[in-house]
Amino acid sequence: MQENLDHWTFVIASYAVGVAGVLGLTAWAWLTMRAAEARRDRSRDR
């Protein structure tokens, strides 16, 4: 008896995890950049 697994479920899941990771890292970098720019602007005003 041979059991055939549908590999497309795992392929789609791995792409979803990859895209979610890229979007998460992009959002984190953008928020960190905004915070750094705000700190820079505050230090220039002093």
PDB file of N, CA and C in Angstrom:
ATOM      1  N   MET A   1       0.836  -1.179   0.000  1.00  0.00           N
ATOM      2  CA  MET A   1       0.000   0.000   0.000  1.00  0.00           C
ATOM      3  C   MET A   1       0.882   1.243   0.000  1.00  0.00           C
ATOM      4  N   GLN A   2       0.585   2.162  -0.897  1.00  0.00           N
ATOM      5  CA  GLN A   2       1.364   3.389  -1.016  1.00  0.00           C
ATOM      6  C   GLN A   2       0.446   4.583  -0.787  1.00  0.00           C
ATOM      7  N   GLU A   3       0.927   5.501   0.030  1.00  0.00           N
ATOM      8  CA  GLU A   3       0.128   6.682   0.343  1.00  0.00           C
ATOM      9  C   GLU A   3       0.733   7.883  -0.376  1.00  0.00           C
ATOM     10  N   ASN A   4      -0.040   8.486  -1.235  1.00  0.00           N
ATOM     11  CA  ASN A   4       0.436   9.662  -1.975  1.00  0.00           C
ATOM     12  C   ASN A   4       0.013  10.923  -1.235  1.00  0.00           C
ATOM     13  N   LEU A   5       1.015  11.740  -0.881  1.00  0.00           N
ATOM     14  CA  LEU A   5       0.738  12.997  -0.201  1.00  0.00           C
ATOM     15  C   LEU A   5       0.704  14.121  -1.228  1.00  0.00           C
ATOM     16  N   ASP A   6      -0.169  15.070  -1.007  1.00  0.00           N
ATOM     17  CA  ASP A   6      -0.251  16.232  -1.885  1.00  0.00           C
ATOM     18  C   ASP A   6       0.817  17.230  -1.460  1.00  0.00           C
ATOM     19  N   HIS A   7       1.865  17.362  -2.263  1.00  0.00           N
ATOM     20  CA  HIS A   7       2.978  18.231  -1.897  1.00  0.00           C
ATOM     21  C   HIS A   7       2.650  19.706  -2.070  1.00  0.00           C
ATOM     22  N   TRP A   8       1.627  20.044  -2.827  1.00  0.00           N
ATOM     23  CA  TRP A   8       1.313  21.443  -3.066  1.00  0.00           C
ATOM     24  C   TRP A   8       0.875  22.168  -1.796  1.00  0.00           C
ATOM     25  N   THR A   9       0.281  21.456  -0.875  1.00  0.00           N
ATOM     26  CA  THR A   9      -0.093  22.067   0.405  1.00  0.00           C
ATOM     27  C   THR A   9       1.145  22.608   1.117  1.00  0.00           C
ATOM     28  N   PHE A  10       2.211  21.820   1.121  1.00  0.00           N
ATOM     29  CA  PHE A  10       3.442  22.232   1.789  1.00  0.00           C
ATOM     30  C   PHE A  10       4.169  23.330   1.005  1.00  0.00           C
ATOM     31  N   VAL A  11       4.098  23.264  -0.303  1.00  0.00           N
ATOM     32  CA  VAL A  11       4.725  24.303  -1.129  1.00  0.00           C
ATOM     33  C   VAL A  11       4.043  25.645  -0.890  1.00  0.00           C
ATOM     34  N   ILE A  12       2.730  25.655  -0.909  1.00  0.00           N
ATOM     35  CA  ILE A  12       1.980  26.898  -0.683  1.00  0.00           C
ATOM     36  C   ILE A  12       2.211  27.409   0.733  1.00  0.00           C
ATOM     37  N   ALA A  13       2.247  26.513   1.700  1.00  0.00           N
ATOM     38  CA  ALA A  13       2.498  26.932   3.086  1.00  0.00           C
ATOM     39  C   ALA A  13       3.892  27.535   3.237  1.00  0.00           C
ATOM     40  N   SER A  14       4.875  26.957   2.578  1.00  0.00           N
ATOM     41  CA  SER A  14       6.231  27.498   2.691  1.00  0.00           C
ATOM     42  C   SER A  14       6.330  28.868   2.022  1.00  0.00           C
ATOM     43  N   TYR A  15       5.658  29.056   0.899  1.00  0.00           N
ATOM     44  CA  TYR A  15       5.619  30.384   0.287  1.00  0.00           C
ATOM     45  C   TYR A  15       4.920  31.379   1.201  1.00  0.00           C
ATOM     46  N   ALA A  16       3.834  30.969   1.833  1.00  0.00           N
ATOM     47  CA  ALA A  16       3.108  31.868   2.737  1.00  0.00           C
ATOM     48  C   ALA A  16       3.992  32.272   3.911  1.00  0.00           C
ATOM     49  N   VAL A  17       4.723  31.323   4.471  1.00  0.00           N
ATOM     50  CA  VAL A  17       5.626  31.633   5.582  1.00  0.00           C
ATOM     51  C   VAL A  17       6.730  32.576   5.108  1.00  0.00           C
ATOM     52  N   GLY A  18       7.263  32.336   3.920  1.00  0.00           N
ATOM     53  CA  GLY A  18       8.321  33.194   3.382  1.00  0.00           C
ATOM     54  C   GLY A  18       7.838  34.612   3.133  1.00  0.00           C
ATOM     55  N   VAL A  19       6.662  34.755   2.529  1.00  0.00           N
ATOM     56  CA  VAL A  19       6.113  36.087   2.251  1.00  0.00           C
ATOM     57  C   VAL A  19       5.791  36.811   3.556  1.00  0.00           C
ATOM     58  N   ALA A  20       5.212  36.088   4.518  1.00  0.00           N
ATOM     59  CA  ALA A  20       4.903  36.700   5.816  1.00  0.00           C
ATOM     60  C   ALA A  20       6.191  37.151   6.510  1.00  0.00           C
ATOM     61  N   GLY A  21       7.240  36.362   6.407  1.00  0.00           N
ATOM     62  CA  GLY A  21       8.516  36.743   7.008  1.00  0.00           C
ATOM     63  C   GLY A  21       9.105  37.986   6.369  1.00  0.00           C
ATOM     64  N   VAL A  22       9.055  38.053   5.050  1.00  0.00           N
ATOM     65  CA  VAL A  22       9.581  39.231   4.343  1.00  0.00           C
ATOM     66  C   VAL A  22       8.771  40.471   4.703  1.00  0.00           C
ATOM     67  N   LEU A  23       7.451  40.341   4.722  1.00  0.00           N
ATOM     68  CA  LEU A  23       6.616  41.489   5.085  1.00  0.00           C
ATOM     69  C   LEU A  23       6.862  41.919   6.528  1.00  0.00           C
ATOM     70  N   GLY A  24       7.025  40.955   7.430  1.00  0.00           N
ATOM     71  CA  GLY A  24       7.302  41.281   8.825  1.00  0.00           C
ATOM     72  C   GLY A  24       8.634  41.995   8.991  1.00  0.00           C
ATOM     73  N   LEU A  25       9.667  41.504   8.317  1.00  0.00           N
ATOM     74  CA  LEU A  25      10.972  42.156   8.399  1.00  0.00           C
ATOM     75  C   LEU A  25      10.946  43.548   7.776  1.00  0.00           C
ATOM     76  N   THR A  26      10.214  43.706   6.697  1.00  0.00           N
ATOM     77  CA  THR A  26      10.098  45.016   6.062  1.00  0.00           C
ATOM     78  C   THR A  26       9.399  46.001   6.991  1.00  0.00           C
ATOM     79  N   ALA A  27       8.316  45.582   7.628  1.00  0.00           N
ATOM     80  CA  ALA A  27       7.602  46.453   8.558  1.00  0.00           C
ATOM     81  C   ALA A  27       8.476  46.803   9.751  1.00  0.00           C
ATOM     82  N   TRP A  28       9.201  45.830  10.286  1.00  0.00           N
ATOM     83  CA  TRP A  28      10.089  46.077  11.424  1.00  0.00           C
ATOM     84  C   TRP A  28      11.183  47.075  11.040  1.00  0.00           C
ATOM     85  N   ALA A  29      11.773  46.900   9.862  1.00  0.00           N
ATOM     86  CA  ALA A  29      12.837  47.808   9.424  1.00  0.00           C
ATOM     87  C   ALA A  29      12.293  49.211   9.216  1.00  0.00           C
ATOM     88  N   TRP A  30      11.091  49.315   8.646  1.00  0.00           N
ATOM     89  CA  TRP A  30      10.495  50.631   8.399  1.00  0.00           C
ATOM     90  C   TRP A  30      10.208  51.348   9.715  1.00  0.00           C
ATOM     91  N   LEU A  31       9.641  50.613  10.691  1.00  0.00           N
ATOM     92  CA  LEU A  31       9.351  51.231  11.985  1.00  0.00           C
ATOM     93  C   LEU A  31      10.634  51.626  12.707  1.00  0.00           C
ATOM     94  N   THR A  32      11.652  50.807  12.626  1.00  0.00           N
ATOM     95  CA  THR A  32      12.928  51.130  13.258  1.00  0.00           C
ATOM     96  C   THR A  32      13.568  52.345  12.594  1.00  0.00           C
ATOM     97  N   MET A  33      13.458  52.430  11.267  1.00  0.00           N
ATOM     98  CA  MET A  33      13.991  53.576  10.541  1.00  0.00           C
ATOM     99  C   MET A  33      13.272  54.860  10.947  1.00  0.00           C
ATOM    100  N   ARG A  34      11.948  54.787  11.066  1.00  0.00           N
ATOM    101  CA  ARG A  34      11.181  55.966  11.475  1.00  0.00           C
ATOM    102  C   ARG A  34      11.591  56.432  12.870  1.00  0.00           C
ATOM    103  N   ALA A  35      11.794  55.481  13.790  1.00  0.00           N
ATOM    104  CA  ALA A  35      12.209  55.837  15.146  1.00  0.00           C
ATOM    105  C   ALA A  35      13.597  56.472  15.136  1.00  0.00           C
ATOM    106  N   ALA A  36      14.506  55.945  14.325  1.00  0.00           N
ATOM    107  CA  ALA A  36      15.852  56.504  14.247  1.00  0.00           C
ATOM    108  C   ALA A  36      15.826  57.915  13.655  1.00  0.00           C
ATOM    109  N   GLU A  37      14.985  58.119  12.653  1.00  0.00           N
ATOM    110  CA  GLU A  37      14.868  59.457  12.077  1.00  0.00           C
ATOM    111  C   GLU A  37      14.299  60.447  13.087  1.00  0.00           C
ATOM    112  N   ALA A  38      13.337  59.993  13.879  1.00  0.00           N
ATOM    113  CA  ALA A  38      12.767  60.877  14.900  1.00  0.00           C
ATOM    114  C   ALA A  38      13.816  61.231  15.954  1.00  0.00           C
ATOM    115  N   ARG A  39      14.632  60.258  16.359  1.00  0.00           N
ATOM    116  CA  ARG A  39      15.712  60.533  17.316  1.00  0.00           C
ATOM    117  C   ARG A  39      16.720  61.514  16.723  1.00  0.00           C
ATOM    118  N   ARG A  40      17.043  61.326  15.455  1.00  0.00           N
ATOM    119  CA  ARG A  40      17.979  62.234  14.792  1.00  0.00           C
ATOM    120  C   ARG A  40      17.431  63.657  14.754  1.00  0.00           C
ATOM    121  N   ASP A  41      16.153  63.788  14.429  1.00  0.00           N
ATOM    122  CA  ASP A  41      15.546  65.116  14.356  1.00  0.00           C
ATOM    123  C   ASP A  41      15.505  65.777  15.730  1.00  0.00           C
ATOM    124  N   ARG A  42      15.218  64.994  16.773  1.00  0.00           N
ATOM    125  CA  ARG A  42      15.212  65.554  18.133  1.00  0.00           C
ATOM    126  C   ARG A  42      16.605  66.000  18.543  1.00  0.00           C
ATOM    127  N   SER A  43      17.631  65.251  18.146  1.00  0.00           N
ATOM    128  CA  SER A  43      18.996  65.624  18.533  1.00  0.00           C
ATOM    129  C   SER A  43      19.473  66.862  17.771  1.00  0.00           C
ATOM    130  N   ARG A  44      18.966  67.097  16.595  1.00  0.00           N
ATOM    131  CA  ARG A  44      19.344  68.292  15.835  1.00  0.00           C
ATOM    132  C   ARG A  44      18.728  69.549  16.419  1.00  0.00           C
ATOM    133  N   ASP A  45      17.569  69.410  17.044  1.00  0.00           N
ATOM    134  CA  ASP A  45      16.883  70.574  17.611  1.00  0.00           C
ATOM    135  C   ASP A  45      17.527  71.064  18.900  1.00  0.00           C
ATOM    136  N   ARG A  46      18.350  70.275  19.513  1.00  0.00           N
ATOM    137  CA  ARG A  46      18.950  70.669  20.797  1.00  0.00           C
ATOM    138  C   ARG A  46      20.052  71.654  20.635  1.00  0.00           C
TER     139      ARG A  46
END
